[in-house]
Amino acid sequence: MEQTVYKTIRGGQQSVWAYLKEVAAARNLIVSFALRDLRVQYAQTYLGIFWSLVQPLTGLIIFNFFFQRVIHLSLNVPYAVFAFTGIMGWFYFTALVGQAGTSLMANQQVIKKIQFPRLVLPLSKALVGLVEFSISLVLLLLMLLFFRIGLSSKIIFLPLVVIANILTGLSVGIWLSALTIRFRDLHHFIPYLIGFGIWLTPVFYPSTMVPVSYKWIYYLHPVANVIALYRWIFIGLPVDFGQVACSLTTAFIVLMAGLVFFVRNEKFVSDYV
């Protein structure tokens, strides 16, 4: 991997805006780290990157059996398509939380050797996850073709929903990346966070199953609303845009706070690696 050394001499506390300009200047390094991670992740495997389909397909098989054979969930659309739209968005989110959240810990040797904006590392995970998301998206399109579900003009909003998916993942991942390098126990907590979070998110069940008294949670649950947007685009399910705006605003505030925290603590990263 070609490396570009980014050396910055800073005086006093750097603003978030100035720091983001440095990150933008290092965008080629983001791509380089992402390509490196993809090569390492799928090196010496027979199926290569198509292993990224194993996890969502396994989840789909389990959920389909449980909710179709055990609970007998009734929907107006094929359950496989309904569940997969949720799985696709949820797994992209969890990939960002898990990989971005531990990106500084996983690259301690790189951090010691070269100077660059450390935010590059969690951002590179967004590209890695985007490749895997794209493969899942192709599978979803094939499922829509199989079930004879046509695409509507809403598909033009897909890039915006993907961006929202990325922002919600990074809003948590950036916080965790800055915290795990100092508090190593969080590294073990992340899988539990992800495993528990899926039960609070309508990935494999409709939000209508949630009791009315708990509906307020979804006004603060960005991932649930991102999934709702995917289902609105691909299978035409209704969505509460006021609720979506409220939840994504929450995610944006968390993301901005995470960036401020990351920038203020980046200078201490080398002390803990």
C-alpha atoms as a PDB file:
ATOM      1  CA  MET A   1       0.000   0.000   0.000  1.00  0.00           C
ATOM      2  CA  GLU A   2       1.392   3.368  -0.949  1.00  0.00           C
ATOM      3  CA  GLN A   3       1.711   5.606   2.076  1.00  0.00           C
ATOM      4  CA  THR A   4       1.559   9.370   2.124  1.00  0.00           C
ATOM      5  CA  VAL A   5       2.934  11.041   5.217  1.00  0.00           C
ATOM      6  CA  TYR A   6       0.804  13.863   6.558  1.00  0.00           C
ATOM      7  CA  LYS A   7       2.654  15.981   9.056  1.00  0.00           C
ATOM      8  CA  THR A   8       0.849  18.799  10.790  1.00  0.00           C
ATOM      9  CA  ILE A   9       2.323  21.372  13.141  1.00  0.00           C
ATOM     10  CA  ARG A  10      -0.382  22.673  15.425  1.00  0.00           C
ATOM     11  CA  GLY A  11      -0.425  25.549  17.797  1.00  0.00           C
ATOM     12  CA  GLY A  12      -2.991  25.414  20.560  1.00  0.00           C
ATOM     13  CA  GLN A  13      -6.342  23.713  20.242  1.00  0.00           C
ATOM     14  CA  GLN A  14      -7.318  22.956  16.653  1.00  0.00           C
ATOM     15  CA  SER A  15     -10.849  23.663  15.474  1.00  0.00           C
ATOM     16  CA  VAL A  16     -12.995  20.847  14.128  1.00  0.00           C
ATOM     17  CA  TRP A  17     -13.350  22.659  10.794  1.00  0.00           C
ATOM     18  CA  ALA A  18      -9.569  22.975  10.369  1.00  0.00           C
ATOM     19  CA  TYR A  19      -9.159  19.325  11.317  1.00  0.00           C
ATOM     20  CA  LEU A  20     -11.752  18.215   8.765  1.00  0.00           C
ATOM     21  CA  LYS A  21      -9.823  20.110   6.098  1.00  0.00           C
ATOM     22  CA  GLU A  22      -6.797  17.983   6.978  1.00  0.00           C
ATOM     23  CA  VAL A  23      -8.927  14.861   6.697  1.00  0.00           C
ATOM     24  CA  ALA A  24     -10.185  15.990   3.279  1.00  0.00           C
ATOM     25  CA  ALA A  25      -6.589  16.489   2.168  1.00  0.00           C
ATOM     26  CA  ALA A  26      -5.859  12.921   3.277  1.00  0.00           C
ATOM     27  CA  ARG A  27      -8.763  11.399   1.354  1.00  0.00           C
ATOM     28  CA  ASN A  28      -6.436   9.251  -0.767  1.00  0.00           C
ATOM     29  CA  LEU A  29      -5.182   7.693   2.452  1.00  0.00           C
ATOM     30  CA  ILE A  30      -8.769   6.797   3.409  1.00  0.00           C
ATOM     31  CA  VAL A  31      -9.083   4.864   0.157  1.00  0.00           C
ATOM     32  CA  SER A  32      -5.688   3.211   0.686  1.00  0.00           C
ATOM     33  CA  PHE A  33      -6.622   1.969   4.150  1.00  0.00           C
ATOM     34  CA  ALA A  34      -9.971   0.698   2.859  1.00  0.00           C
ATOM     35  CA  LEU A  35      -8.328  -1.237   0.014  1.00  0.00           C
ATOM     36  CA  ARG A  36      -5.780  -2.668   2.428  1.00  0.00           C
ATOM     37  CA  ASP A  37      -8.510  -3.854   4.782  1.00  0.00           C
ATOM     38  CA  LEU A  38     -10.462  -5.472   1.943  1.00  0.00           C
ATOM     39  CA  ARG A  39      -7.376  -7.325   0.717  1.00  0.00           C
ATOM     40  CA  VAL A  40      -6.525  -8.558   4.208  1.00  0.00           C
ATOM     41  CA  GLN A  41     -10.100  -9.510   5.037  1.00  0.00           C
ATOM     42  CA  TYR A  42     -10.626 -11.716   2.005  1.00  0.00           C
ATOM     43  CA  ALA A  43      -7.062 -12.873   1.302  1.00  0.00           C
ATOM     44  CA  GLN A  44      -6.622 -16.583   0.590  1.00  0.00           C
ATOM     45  CA  THR A  45     -10.360 -17.314   0.557  1.00  0.00           C
ATOM     46  CA  TYR A  46     -12.061 -19.162  -2.285  1.00  0.00           C
ATOM     47  CA  LEU A  47     -15.154 -16.963  -2.443  1.00  0.00           C
ATOM     48  CA  GLY A  48     -13.362 -13.728  -1.619  1.00  0.00           C
ATOM     49  CA  ILE A  49     -15.581 -10.750  -0.984  1.00  0.00           C
ATOM     50  CA  PHE A  50     -18.740 -12.822  -1.509  1.00  0.00           C
ATOM     51  CA  TRP A  51     -18.248 -14.088   2.036  1.00  0.00           C
ATOM     52  CA  SER A  52     -19.889 -10.798   2.967  1.00  0.00           C
ATOM     53  CA  LEU A  53     -23.183 -12.415   1.891  1.00  0.00           C
ATOM     54  CA  VAL A  54     -22.901 -15.237   4.413  1.00  0.00           C
ATOM     55  CA  GLN A  55     -23.844 -13.141   7.446  1.00  0.00           C
ATOM     56  CA  PRO A  56     -26.976 -11.450   6.028  1.00  0.00           C
ATOM     57  CA  LEU A  57     -28.177 -14.656   4.349  1.00  0.00           C
ATOM     58  CA  THR A  58     -27.703 -16.639   7.554  1.00  0.00           C
ATOM     59  CA  GLY A  59     -29.656 -14.015   9.467  1.00  0.00           C
ATOM     60  CA  LEU A  60     -32.381 -14.055   6.818  1.00  0.00           C
ATOM     61  CA  ILE A  61     -32.750 -17.850   7.015  1.00  0.00           C
ATOM     62  CA  ILE A  62     -33.016 -17.796  10.814  1.00  0.00           C
ATOM     63  CA  PHE A  63     -35.472 -14.896  10.932  1.00  0.00           C
ATOM     64  CA  ASN A  64     -37.549 -16.330   8.096  1.00  0.00           C
ATOM     65  CA  PHE A  65     -37.905 -19.660   9.919  1.00  0.00           C
ATOM     66  CA  PHE A  66     -38.721 -18.059  13.272  1.00  0.00           C
ATOM     67  CA  PHE A  67     -41.213 -15.441  12.113  1.00  0.00           C
ATOM     68  CA  GLN A  68     -42.829 -17.465   9.336  1.00  0.00           C
ATOM     69  CA  ARG A  69     -42.928 -20.931  10.889  1.00  0.00           C
ATOM     70  CA  VAL A  70     -43.130 -20.159  14.614  1.00  0.00           C
ATOM     71  CA  ILE A  71     -44.850 -16.778  15.024  1.00  0.00           C
ATOM     72  CA  HIS A  72     -46.577 -16.744  11.607  1.00  0.00           C
ATOM     73  CA  LEU A  73     -46.046 -13.040  11.056  1.00  0.00           C
ATOM     74  CA  SER A  74     -48.451 -11.673   8.445  1.00  0.00           C
ATOM     75  CA  LEU A  75     -47.274  -8.954   6.050  1.00  0.00           C
ATOM     76  CA  ASN A  76     -48.439  -7.490   2.755  1.00  0.00           C
ATOM     77  CA  VAL A  77     -45.019  -8.142   1.207  1.00  0.00           C
ATOM     78  CA  PRO A  78     -42.835 -11.274   1.089  1.00  0.00           C
ATOM     79  CA  TYR A  79     -41.161 -11.635   4.476  1.00  0.00           C
ATOM     80  CA  ALA A  80     -37.771 -12.374   2.896  1.00  0.00           C
ATOM     81  CA  VAL A  81     -37.746  -8.955   1.205  1.00  0.00           C
ATOM     82  CA  PHE A  82     -39.079  -7.207   4.306  1.00  0.00           C
ATOM     83  CA  ALA A  83     -36.425  -8.766   6.548  1.00  0.00           C
ATOM     84  CA  PHE A  84     -33.555  -8.304   4.121  1.00  0.00           C
ATOM     85  CA  THR A  85     -34.134  -4.558   3.792  1.00  0.00           C
ATOM     86  CA  GLY A  86     -33.736  -4.372   7.569  1.00  0.00           C
ATOM     87  CA  ILE A  87     -30.741  -6.714   7.661  1.00  0.00           C
ATOM     88  CA  MET A  88     -28.978  -4.717   4.945  1.00  0.00           C
ATOM     89  CA  GLY A  89     -29.223  -1.421   6.814  1.00  0.00           C
ATOM     90  CA  TRP A  90     -28.550  -2.918  10.250  1.00  0.00           C
ATOM     91  CA  PHE A  91     -25.431  -4.841   9.210  1.00  0.00           C
ATOM     92  CA  TYR A  92     -23.960  -1.761   7.556  1.00  0.00           C
ATOM     93  CA  PHE A  93     -24.560   0.156  10.777  1.00  0.00           C
ATOM     94  CA  THR A  94     -23.029  -2.574  12.966  1.00  0.00           C
ATOM     95  CA  ALA A  95     -20.039  -2.918  10.633  1.00  0.00           C
ATOM     96  CA  LEU A  96     -19.331   0.784  11.095  1.00  0.00           C
ATOM     97  CA  VAL A  97     -19.803   0.634  14.868  1.00  0.00           C
ATOM     98  CA  GLY A  98     -17.695  -2.489  15.284  1.00  0.00           C
ATOM     99  CA  GLN A  99     -14.891  -1.756  12.822  1.00  0.00           C
ATOM    100  CA  ALA A 100     -14.706   2.020  13.190  1.00  0.00           C
ATOM    101  CA  GLY A 101     -15.014   1.687  16.957  1.00  0.00           C
ATOM    102  CA  THR A 102     -11.867  -0.440  17.150  1.00  0.00           C
ATOM    103  CA  SER A 103      -9.982   1.098  14.215  1.00  0.00           C
ATOM    104  CA  LEU A 104      -7.410   2.956  16.324  1.00  0.00           C
ATOM    105  CA  MET A 105      -6.666  -0.108  18.437  1.00  0.00           C
ATOM    106  CA  ALA A 106      -6.316  -2.279  15.335  1.00  0.00           C
ATOM    107  CA  ASN A 107      -3.837   0.135  13.722  1.00  0.00           C
ATOM    108  CA  GLN A 108      -1.526   0.920  16.619  1.00  0.00           C
ATOM    109  CA  GLN A 109       1.601   0.099  14.629  1.00  0.00           C
ATOM    110  CA  VAL A 110       0.562   2.426  11.797  1.00  0.00           C
ATOM    111  CA  ILE A 111      -0.199   5.213  14.264  1.00  0.00           C
ATOM    112  CA  LYS A 112       3.285   4.908  15.726  1.00  0.00           C
ATOM    113  CA  LYS A 113       5.022   5.058  12.345  1.00  0.00           C
ATOM    114  CA  ILE A 114       3.347   7.837  10.363  1.00  0.00           C
ATOM    115  CA  GLN A 115       1.645  11.141  11.103  1.00  0.00           C
ATOM    116  CA  PHE A 116      -1.836  11.650   9.645  1.00  0.00           C
ATOM    117  CA  PRO A 117      -5.296  12.671  10.866  1.00  0.00           C
ATOM    118  CA  ARG A 118      -6.420   9.691  12.941  1.00  0.00           C
ATOM    119  CA  LEU A 119     -10.020  10.171  11.844  1.00  0.00           C
ATOM    120  CA  VAL A 120      -8.916   8.669   8.534  1.00  0.00           C
ATOM    121  CA  LEU A 121      -8.990   5.218  10.151  1.00  0.00           C
ATOM    122  CA  PRO A 122     -12.677   5.075  11.197  1.00  0.00           C
ATOM    123  CA  LEU A 123     -13.698   6.826   7.968  1.00  0.00           C
ATOM    124  CA  SER A 124     -11.956   4.154   5.892  1.00  0.00           C
ATOM    125  CA  LYS A 125     -14.274   1.586   7.482  1.00  0.00           C
ATOM    126  CA  ALA A 126     -17.220   3.348   5.860  1.00  0.00           C
ATOM    127  CA  LEU A 127     -15.765   2.485   2.443  1.00  0.00           C
ATOM    128  CA  VAL A 128     -15.101  -1.117   3.451  1.00  0.00           C
ATOM    129  CA  GLY A 129     -18.671  -1.462   4.647  1.00  0.00           C
ATOM    130  CA  LEU A 130     -19.987   0.244   1.516  1.00  0.00           C
ATOM    131  CA  VAL A 131     -18.468  -2.476  -0.659  1.00  0.00           C
ATOM    132  CA  GLU A 132     -20.180  -5.170   1.409  1.00  0.00           C
ATOM    133  CA  PHE A 133     -23.416  -3.154   1.454  1.00  0.00           C
ATOM    134  CA  SER A 134     -23.331  -2.914  -2.346  1.00  0.00           C
ATOM    135  CA  ILE A 135     -23.164  -6.699  -2.657  1.00  0.00           C
ATOM    136  CA  SER A 136     -26.167  -7.035  -0.329  1.00  0.00           C
ATOM    137  CA  LEU A 137     -27.971  -4.405  -2.407  1.00  0.00           C
ATOM    138  CA  VAL A 138     -27.459  -6.467  -5.559  1.00  0.00           C
ATOM    139  CA  LEU A 139     -28.899  -9.496  -3.764  1.00  0.00           C
ATOM    140  CA  LEU A 140     -31.910  -7.426  -2.655  1.00  0.00           C
ATOM    141  CA  LEU A 141     -32.532  -6.327  -6.244  1.00  0.00           C
ATOM    142  CA  LEU A 142     -32.442  -9.969  -7.343  1.00  0.00           C
ATOM    143  CA  MET A 143     -34.964 -10.810  -4.618  1.00  0.00           C
ATOM    144  CA  LEU A 144     -37.251  -8.017  -5.819  1.00  0.00           C
ATOM    145  CA  LEU A 145     -36.981  -9.407  -9.342  1.00  0.00           C
ATOM    146  CA  PHE A 146     -37.788 -12.922  -8.111  1.00  0.00           C
ATOM    147  CA  PHE A 147     -40.881 -11.751  -6.215  1.00  0.00           C
ATOM    148  CA  ARG A 148     -41.860  -9.444  -9.096  1.00  0.00           C
ATOM    149  CA  ILE A 149     -41.692  -6.287  -7.011  1.00  0.00           C
ATOM    150  CA  GLY A 150     -40.915  -3.328  -9.237  1.00  0.00           C
ATOM    151  CA  LEU A 151     -38.781  -0.346  -8.327  1.00  0.00           C
ATOM    152  CA  SER A 152     -40.500   3.013  -7.975  1.00  0.00           C
ATOM    153  CA  SER A 153     -39.199   6.529  -8.536  1.00  0.00           C
ATOM    154  CA  LYS A 154     -38.317   6.612  -4.825  1.00  0.00           C
ATOM    155  CA  ILE A 155     -35.077   4.848  -5.750  1.00  0.00           C
ATOM    156  CA  ILE A 156     -33.562   8.273  -6.475  1.00  0.00           C
ATOM    157  CA  PHE A 157     -33.476   8.858  -2.719  1.00  0.00           C
ATOM    158  CA  LEU A 158     -31.339   5.765  -2.081  1.00  0.00           C
ATOM    159  CA  PRO A 159     -27.991   7.650  -2.013  1.00  0.00           C
ATOM    160  CA  LEU A 160     -29.353   9.997   0.660  1.00  0.00           C
ATOM    161  CA  VAL A 161     -30.537   7.064   2.781  1.00  0.00           C
ATOM    162  CA  VAL A 162     -27.144   5.357   2.438  1.00  0.00           C
ATOM    163  CA  ILE A 163     -25.473   8.578   3.601  1.00  0.00           C
ATOM    164  CA  ALA A 164     -27.861   8.648   6.564  1.00  0.00           C
ATOM    165  CA  ASN A 165     -26.907   5.010   7.263  1.00  0.00           C
ATOM    166  CA  ILE A 166     -23.218   5.966   7.260  1.00  0.00           C
ATOM    167  CA  LEU A 167     -23.735   8.981   9.511  1.00  0.00           C
ATOM    168  CA  THR A 168     -25.667   6.959  12.084  1.00  0.00           C
ATOM    169  CA  GLY A 169     -22.915   4.335  12.167  1.00  0.00           C
ATOM    170  CA  LEU A 170     -20.128   6.886  12.432  1.00  0.00           C
ATOM    171  CA  SER A 171     -22.001   8.819  15.123  1.00  0.00           C
ATOM    172  CA  VAL A 172     -21.364   5.826  17.396  1.00  0.00           C
ATOM    173  CA  GLY A 173     -18.168   4.503  15.794  1.00  0.00           C
ATOM    174  CA  ILE A 174     -16.201   7.756  16.134  1.00  0.00           C
ATOM    175  CA  TRP A 175     -17.055   7.995  19.835  1.00  0.00           C
ATOM    176  CA  LEU A 176     -16.000   4.395  20.400  1.00  0.00           C
ATOM    177  CA  SER A 177     -12.777   4.744  18.384  1.00  0.00           C
ATOM    178  CA  ALA A 178     -11.650   7.602  20.637  1.00  0.00           C
ATOM    179  CA  LEU A 179     -12.743   5.839  23.826  1.00  0.00           C
ATOM    180  CA  THR A 180     -11.541   2.277  23.204  1.00  0.00           C
ATOM    181  CA  ILE A 181      -7.918   3.351  22.739  1.00  0.00           C
ATOM    182  CA  ARG A 182      -7.963   4.565  26.335  1.00  0.00           C
ATOM    183  CA  PHE A 183     -10.592   2.340  27.941  1.00  0.00           C
ATOM    184  CA  ARG A 184      -9.731  -1.083  26.515  1.00  0.00           C
ATOM    185  CA  ASP A 185     -12.671  -2.843  28.169  1.00  0.00           C
ATOM    186  CA  LEU A 186     -14.992  -1.135  25.679  1.00  0.00           C
ATOM    187  CA  HIS A 187     -13.458  -3.328  22.986  1.00  0.00           C
ATOM    188  CA  HIS A 188     -15.172  -6.319  24.623  1.00  0.00           C
ATOM    189  CA  PHE A 189     -18.393  -4.398  25.192  1.00  0.00           C
ATOM    190  CA  ILE A 190     -19.025  -3.525  21.528  1.00  0.00           C
ATOM    191  CA  PRO A 191     -20.223  -7.017  20.435  1.00  0.00           C
ATOM    192  CA  TYR A 192     -22.716  -7.046  23.322  1.00  0.00           C
ATOM    193  CA  LEU A 193     -23.913  -3.578  22.339  1.00  0.00           C
ATOM    194  CA  ILE A 194     -24.521  -4.733  18.786  1.00  0.00           C
ATOM    195  CA  GLY A 195     -26.114  -8.024  19.814  1.00  0.00           C
ATOM    196  CA  PHE A 196     -28.533  -6.328  22.186  1.00  0.00           C
ATOM    197  CA  GLY A 197     -29.280  -3.452  19.833  1.00  0.00           C
ATOM    198  CA  ILE A 198     -30.850  -5.627  17.150  1.00  0.00           C
ATOM    199  CA  TRP A 199     -33.713  -6.480  19.505  1.00  0.00           C
ATOM    200  CA  LEU A 200     -34.471  -2.782  19.929  1.00  0.00           C
ATOM    201  CA  THR A 201     -34.507  -2.244  16.179  1.00  0.00           C
ATOM    202  CA  PRO A 202     -37.266  -3.389  13.775  1.00  0.00           C
ATOM    203  CA  VAL A 203     -34.869  -5.378  11.615  1.00  0.00           C
ATOM    204  CA  PHE A 204     -36.853  -8.610  11.440  1.00  0.00           C
ATOM    205  CA  TYR A 205     -40.191  -7.416  12.808  1.00  0.00           C
ATOM    206  CA  PRO A 206     -42.425  -4.458  11.854  1.00  0.00           C
ATOM    207  CA  SER A 207     -42.504  -1.383  14.080  1.00  0.00           C
ATOM    208  CA  THR A 208     -46.273  -1.908  14.438  1.00  0.00           C
ATOM    209  CA  MET A 209     -45.451  -4.704  16.906  1.00  0.00           C
ATOM    210  CA  VAL A 210     -43.966  -2.145  19.294  1.00  0.00           C
ATOM    211  CA  PRO A 211     -46.412  -1.125  22.059  1.00  0.00           C
ATOM    212  CA  VAL A 212     -47.720   2.429  21.713  1.00  0.00           C
ATOM    213  CA  SER A 213     -46.190   3.394  25.075  1.00  0.00           C
ATOM    214  CA  TYR A 214     -42.711   2.685  23.653  1.00  0.00           C
ATOM    215  CA  LYS A 215     -43.175   4.397  20.308  1.00  0.00           C
ATOM    216  CA  TRP A 216     -41.265   7.463  21.550  1.00  0.00           C
ATOM    217  CA  ILE A 217     -38.064   5.400  21.476  1.00  0.00           C
ATOM    218  CA  TYR A 218     -38.182   5.420  17.681  1.00  0.00           C
ATOM    219  CA  TYR A 219     -38.077   9.195  17.608  1.00  0.00           C
ATOM    220  CA  LEU A 220     -34.571   8.862  19.057  1.00  0.00           C
ATOM    221  CA  HIS A 221     -33.570   5.684  17.215  1.00  0.00           C
ATOM    222  CA  PRO A 222     -31.835   6.690  13.956  1.00  0.00           C
ATOM    223  CA  VAL A 223     -31.167   3.155  12.723  1.00  0.00           C
ATOM    224  CA  ALA A 224     -34.836   2.198  13.025  1.00  0.00           C
ATOM    225  CA  ASN A 225     -35.762   5.169  10.873  1.00  0.00           C
ATOM    226  CA  VAL A 226     -33.030   4.488   8.321  1.00  0.00           C
ATOM    227  CA  ILE A 227     -34.436   0.975   7.949  1.00  0.00           C
ATOM    228  CA  ALA A 228     -37.924   2.473   7.596  1.00  0.00           C
ATOM    229  CA  LEU A 229     -36.589   4.613   4.741  1.00  0.00           C
ATOM    230  CA  TYR A 230     -35.116   1.566   2.984  1.00  0.00           C
ATOM    231  CA  ARG A 231     -38.506  -0.158   3.231  1.00  0.00           C
ATOM    232  CA  TRP A 232     -40.241   2.975   1.978  1.00  0.00           C
ATOM    233  CA  ILE A 233     -37.979   3.000  -1.079  1.00  0.00           C
ATOM    234  CA  PHE A 234     -37.993  -0.691  -1.975  1.00  0.00           C
ATOM    235  CA  ILE A 235     -41.369  -2.040  -0.833  1.00  0.00           C
ATOM    236  CA  GLY A 236     -43.447   1.100  -0.415  1.00  0.00           C
ATOM    237  CA  LEU A 237     -44.135   0.862   3.314  1.00  0.00           C
ATOM    238  CA  PRO A 238     -45.286   4.165   4.875  1.00  0.00           C
ATOM    239  CA  VAL A 239     -42.816   6.266   6.839  1.00  0.00           C
ATOM    240  CA  ASP A 240     -43.215   9.092   9.347  1.00  0.00           C
ATOM    241  CA  PHE A 241     -40.895  11.795   7.978  1.00  0.00           C
ATOM    242  CA  GLY A 242     -41.280  13.905  11.104  1.00  0.00           C
ATOM    243  CA  GLN A 243     -40.006  10.977  13.134  1.00  0.00           C
ATOM    244  CA  VAL A 244     -37.182  10.429  10.631  1.00  0.00           C
ATOM    245  CA  ALA A 245     -36.109  14.083  10.830  1.00  0.00           C
ATOM    246  CA  CYS A 246     -36.134  13.980  14.636  1.00  0.00           C
ATOM    247  CA  SER A 247     -34.039  10.802  14.856  1.00  0.00           C
ATOM    248  CA  LEU A 248     -31.500  11.861  12.216  1.00  0.00           C
ATOM    249  CA  THR A 249     -31.115  15.236  13.933  1.00  0.00           C
ATOM    250  CA  THR A 250     -30.273  13.325  17.106  1.00  0.00           C
ATOM    251  CA  ALA A 251     -27.698  11.258  15.210  1.00  0.00           C
ATOM    252  CA  PHE A 252     -26.168  14.397  13.687  1.00  0.00           C
ATOM    253  CA  ILE A 253     -25.812  16.041  17.109  1.00  0.00           C
ATOM    254  CA  VAL A 254     -24.145  12.879  18.479  1.00  0.00           C
ATOM    255  CA  LEU A 255     -21.831  12.802  15.445  1.00  0.00           C
ATOM    256  CA  MET A 256     -20.798  16.448  15.853  1.00  0.00           C
ATOM    257  CA  ALA A 257     -20.165  15.930  19.568  1.00  0.00           C
ATOM    258  CA  GLY A 258     -18.120  12.840  18.703  1.00  0.00           C
ATOM    259  CA  LEU A 259     -16.000  14.791  16.222  1.00  0.00           C
ATOM    260  CA  VAL A 260     -15.289  17.479  18.818  1.00  0.00           C
ATOM    261  CA  PHE A 261     -14.338  14.823  21.366  1.00  0.00           C
ATOM    262  CA  PHE A 262     -12.160  12.998  18.826  1.00  0.00           C
ATOM    263  CA  VAL A 263     -10.285  16.135  17.750  1.00  0.00           C
ATOM    264  CA  ARG A 264      -9.638  17.227  21.331  1.00  0.00           C
ATOM    265  CA  ASN A 265      -8.325  13.820  22.315  1.00  0.00           C
ATOM    266  CA  GLU A 266      -6.391  12.854  19.187  1.00  0.00           C
ATOM    267  CA  LYS A 267      -3.147  14.329  20.528  1.00  0.00           C
ATOM    268  CA  PHE A 268      -3.314  11.837  23.397  1.00  0.00           C
ATOM    269  CA  VAL A 269      -3.737   8.774  21.179  1.00  0.00           C
ATOM    270  CA  SER A 270      -0.005   8.132  20.885  1.00  0.00           C
ATOM    271  CA  ASP A 271       0.253   8.029  24.660  1.00  0.00           C
ATOM    272  CA  TYR A 272      -2.001   4.978  24.808  1.00  0.00           C
ATOM    273  CA  VAL A 273      -0.896   2.908  21.807  1.00  0.00           C
END
